[in-house]
Amino acid sequence: MARFDEVKDLILSLEGDFEKFYEKNNQAAGTRVRKGMQDLKTLAQTIRSEVQDTKNKAEKE
């Protein structure tokens, strides 16, 4: 569940920047949102790989 907590923490850390960008049109916040979303994408890919590896190991046993 540690990975799930990482995802939640990352999303929650971006909440303020989302509000600043979409409600106040703050362009710098938009840059931070884009970076955060890229980090989320990377984290999601890492988790997908870990799940697949664990699944493959279980099938071999």
N, C-alpha and C. Protein backbone atom coordinates (compact mmCIF):
# COMPACT_ATOMS: atom_id res chain seq x y z
N MET A 1 0.81 -1.20 0.00
CA MET A 1 0.00 0.00 0.00
C MET A 1 0.85 1.26 0.00
N ALA A 2 2.15 1.11 0.18
CA ALA A 2 3.02 2.28 0.20
C ALA A 2 2.98 3.02 -1.14
N ARG A 3 2.92 2.28 -2.22
CA ARG A 3 2.87 2.90 -3.55
C ARG A 3 1.58 3.68 -3.73
N PHE A 4 0.47 3.13 -3.23
CA PHE A 4 -0.81 3.81 -3.33
C PHE A 4 -0.75 5.13 -2.56
N ASP A 5 -0.12 5.09 -1.40
CA ASP A 5 0.04 6.31 -0.61
C ASP A 5 0.88 7.35 -1.35
N GLU A 6 1.89 6.89 -2.07
CA GLU A 6 2.71 7.81 -2.87
C GLU A 6 1.86 8.51 -3.93
N VAL A 7 1.00 7.75 -4.59
CA VAL A 7 0.12 8.32 -5.62
C VAL A 7 -0.80 9.36 -4.99
N LYS A 8 -1.42 9.00 -3.88
CA LYS A 8 -2.34 9.93 -3.20
C LYS A 8 -1.61 11.20 -2.77
N ASP A 9 -0.43 11.04 -2.19
CA ASP A 9 0.34 12.20 -1.73
C ASP A 9 0.71 13.11 -2.89
N LEU A 10 1.11 12.52 -4.00
CA LEU A 10 1.48 13.32 -5.16
C LEU A 10 0.28 14.10 -5.69
N ILE A 11 -0.85 13.46 -5.79
CA ILE A 11 -2.06 14.13 -6.28
C ILE A 11 -2.47 15.26 -5.33
N LEU A 12 -2.46 14.96 -4.05
CA LEU A 12 -2.85 15.98 -3.07
C LEU A 12 -1.88 17.16 -3.08
N SER A 13 -0.61 16.91 -3.34
CA SER A 13 0.37 17.99 -3.37
C SER A 13 0.15 18.92 -4.56
N LEU A 14 -0.54 18.44 -5.58
CA LEU A 14 -0.79 19.24 -6.78
C LEU A 14 -2.09 20.04 -6.70
N GLU A 15 -2.91 19.78 -5.71
CA GLU A 15 -4.23 20.39 -5.64
C GLU A 15 -4.18 21.92 -5.68
N GLY A 16 -3.29 22.51 -4.91
CA GLY A 16 -3.18 23.96 -4.89
C GLY A 16 -2.79 24.53 -6.24
N ASP A 17 -1.86 23.88 -6.92
CA ASP A 17 -1.43 24.36 -8.23
C ASP A 17 -2.54 24.21 -9.27
N PHE A 18 -3.34 23.15 -9.16
CA PHE A 18 -4.48 22.99 -10.06
C PHE A 18 -5.45 24.16 -9.88
N GLU A 19 -5.74 24.49 -8.64
CA GLU A 19 -6.66 25.60 -8.36
C GLU A 19 -6.10 26.92 -8.89
N LYS A 20 -4.81 27.16 -8.63
CA LYS A 20 -4.20 28.40 -9.10
C LYS A 20 -4.24 28.49 -10.63
N PHE A 21 -3.99 27.38 -11.29
CA PHE A 21 -3.96 27.41 -12.75
C PHE A 21 -5.35 27.57 -13.34
N TYR A 22 -6.28 26.73 -12.91
CA TYR A 22 -7.60 26.73 -13.53
C TYR A 22 -8.51 27.87 -13.06
N GLU A 23 -8.35 28.30 -11.82
CA GLU A 23 -9.23 29.35 -11.31
C GLU A 23 -8.64 30.75 -11.42
N LYS A 24 -7.31 30.84 -11.34
CA LYS A 24 -6.66 32.16 -11.34
C LYS A 24 -5.77 32.38 -12.56
N ASN A 25 -5.73 31.39 -13.44
CA ASN A 25 -4.93 31.47 -14.67
C ASN A 25 -3.46 31.77 -14.39
N ASN A 26 -2.92 31.18 -13.34
CA ASN A 26 -1.52 31.35 -12.98
C ASN A 26 -0.69 30.41 -13.84
N GLN A 27 0.10 30.98 -14.74
CA GLN A 27 0.85 30.17 -15.70
C GLN A 27 1.95 29.36 -15.03
N ALA A 28 2.59 29.90 -14.00
CA ALA A 28 3.65 29.16 -13.30
C ALA A 28 3.06 27.92 -12.63
N ALA A 29 1.85 28.04 -12.11
CA ALA A 29 1.18 26.89 -11.51
C ALA A 29 0.92 25.82 -12.57
N GLY A 30 0.62 26.26 -13.78
CA GLY A 30 0.40 25.32 -14.88
C GLY A 30 1.66 24.52 -15.17
N THR A 31 2.81 25.16 -15.10
CA THR A 31 4.08 24.47 -15.30
C THR A 31 4.29 23.42 -14.21
N ARG A 32 3.96 23.78 -12.97
CA ARG A 32 4.10 22.83 -11.87
C ARG A 32 3.12 21.68 -12.01
N VAL A 33 1.94 21.96 -12.50
CA VAL A 33 0.94 20.90 -12.74
C VAL A 33 1.47 19.93 -13.79
N ARG A 34 2.01 20.48 -14.87
CA ARG A 34 2.54 19.61 -15.92
C ARG A 34 3.67 18.73 -15.41
N LYS A 35 4.57 19.31 -14.60
CA LYS A 35 5.67 18.53 -14.02
C LYS A 35 5.11 17.45 -13.09
N GLY A 36 4.17 17.82 -12.27
CA GLY A 36 3.57 16.85 -11.35
C GLY A 36 2.87 15.72 -12.07
N MET A 37 2.20 16.05 -13.16
CA MET A 37 1.52 15.02 -13.93
C MET A 37 2.53 14.09 -14.60
N GLN A 38 3.66 14.62 -15.02
CA GLN A 38 4.72 13.78 -15.59
C GLN A 38 5.27 12.85 -14.51
N ASP A 39 5.45 13.38 -13.29
CA ASP A 39 5.91 12.55 -12.18
C ASP A 39 4.89 11.45 -11.89
N LEU A 40 3.61 11.80 -11.96
CA LEU A 40 2.55 10.81 -11.74
C LEU A 40 2.59 9.73 -12.80
N LYS A 41 2.81 10.12 -14.04
CA LYS A 41 2.89 9.16 -15.14
C LYS A 41 4.06 8.20 -14.91
N THR A 42 5.19 8.74 -14.50
CA THR A 42 6.38 7.91 -14.24
C THR A 42 6.12 6.95 -13.09
N LEU A 43 5.51 7.46 -12.02
CA LEU A 43 5.19 6.62 -10.87
C LEU A 43 4.21 5.52 -11.26
N ALA A 44 3.21 5.87 -12.06
CA ALA A 44 2.22 4.89 -12.50
C ALA A 44 2.89 3.79 -13.32
N GLN A 45 3.81 4.16 -14.18
CA GLN A 45 4.51 3.16 -15.00
C GLN A 45 5.35 2.24 -14.13
N THR A 46 5.99 2.81 -13.12
CA THR A 46 6.79 2.01 -12.19
C THR A 46 5.91 1.00 -11.46
N ILE A 47 4.76 1.47 -11.00
CA ILE A 47 3.83 0.59 -10.30
C ILE A 47 3.33 -0.51 -11.23
N ARG A 48 3.00 -0.15 -12.47
CA ARG A 48 2.52 -1.15 -13.43
C ARG A 48 3.58 -2.24 -13.63
N SER A 49 4.83 -1.84 -13.74
CA SER A 49 5.91 -2.81 -13.92
C SER A 49 6.06 -3.72 -12.70
N GLU A 50 5.97 -3.13 -11.51
CA GLU A 50 6.07 -3.93 -10.29
C GLU A 50 4.93 -4.94 -10.20
N VAL A 51 3.73 -4.52 -10.53
CA VAL A 51 2.58 -5.41 -10.48
C VAL A 51 2.75 -6.55 -11.48
N GLN A 52 3.20 -6.22 -12.68
CA GLN A 52 3.40 -7.25 -13.70
C GLN A 52 4.48 -8.24 -13.29
N ASP A 53 5.58 -7.73 -12.73
CA ASP A 53 6.65 -8.61 -12.27
C ASP A 53 6.17 -9.54 -11.17
N THR A 54 5.41 -9.00 -10.22
CA THR A 54 4.89 -9.81 -9.13
C THR A 54 3.92 -10.87 -9.66
N LYS A 55 3.10 -10.46 -10.60
CA LYS A 55 2.15 -11.39 -11.20
C LYS A 55 2.87 -12.51 -11.95
N ASN A 56 3.90 -12.17 -12.69
CA ASN A 56 4.66 -13.17 -13.45
C ASN A 56 5.39 -14.15 -12.51
N LYS A 57 5.92 -13.64 -11.40
CA LYS A 57 6.60 -14.50 -10.44
C LYS A 57 5.61 -15.49 -9.83
N ALA A 58 4.41 -15.02 -9.53
CA ALA A 58 3.39 -15.88 -8.93
C ALA A 58 2.97 -16.98 -9.90
N GLU A 59 2.93 -16.67 -11.19
CA GLU A 59 2.54 -17.67 -12.19
C GLU A 59 3.60 -18.75 -12.35
N LYS A 60 4.86 -18.42 -12.14
CA LYS A 60 5.95 -19.38 -12.28
C LYS A 60 6.01 -20.36 -11.11
N GLU A 61 5.50 -19.95 -9.98
CA GLU A 61 5.57 -20.80 -8.79
C GLU A 61 4.47 -21.81 -8.74
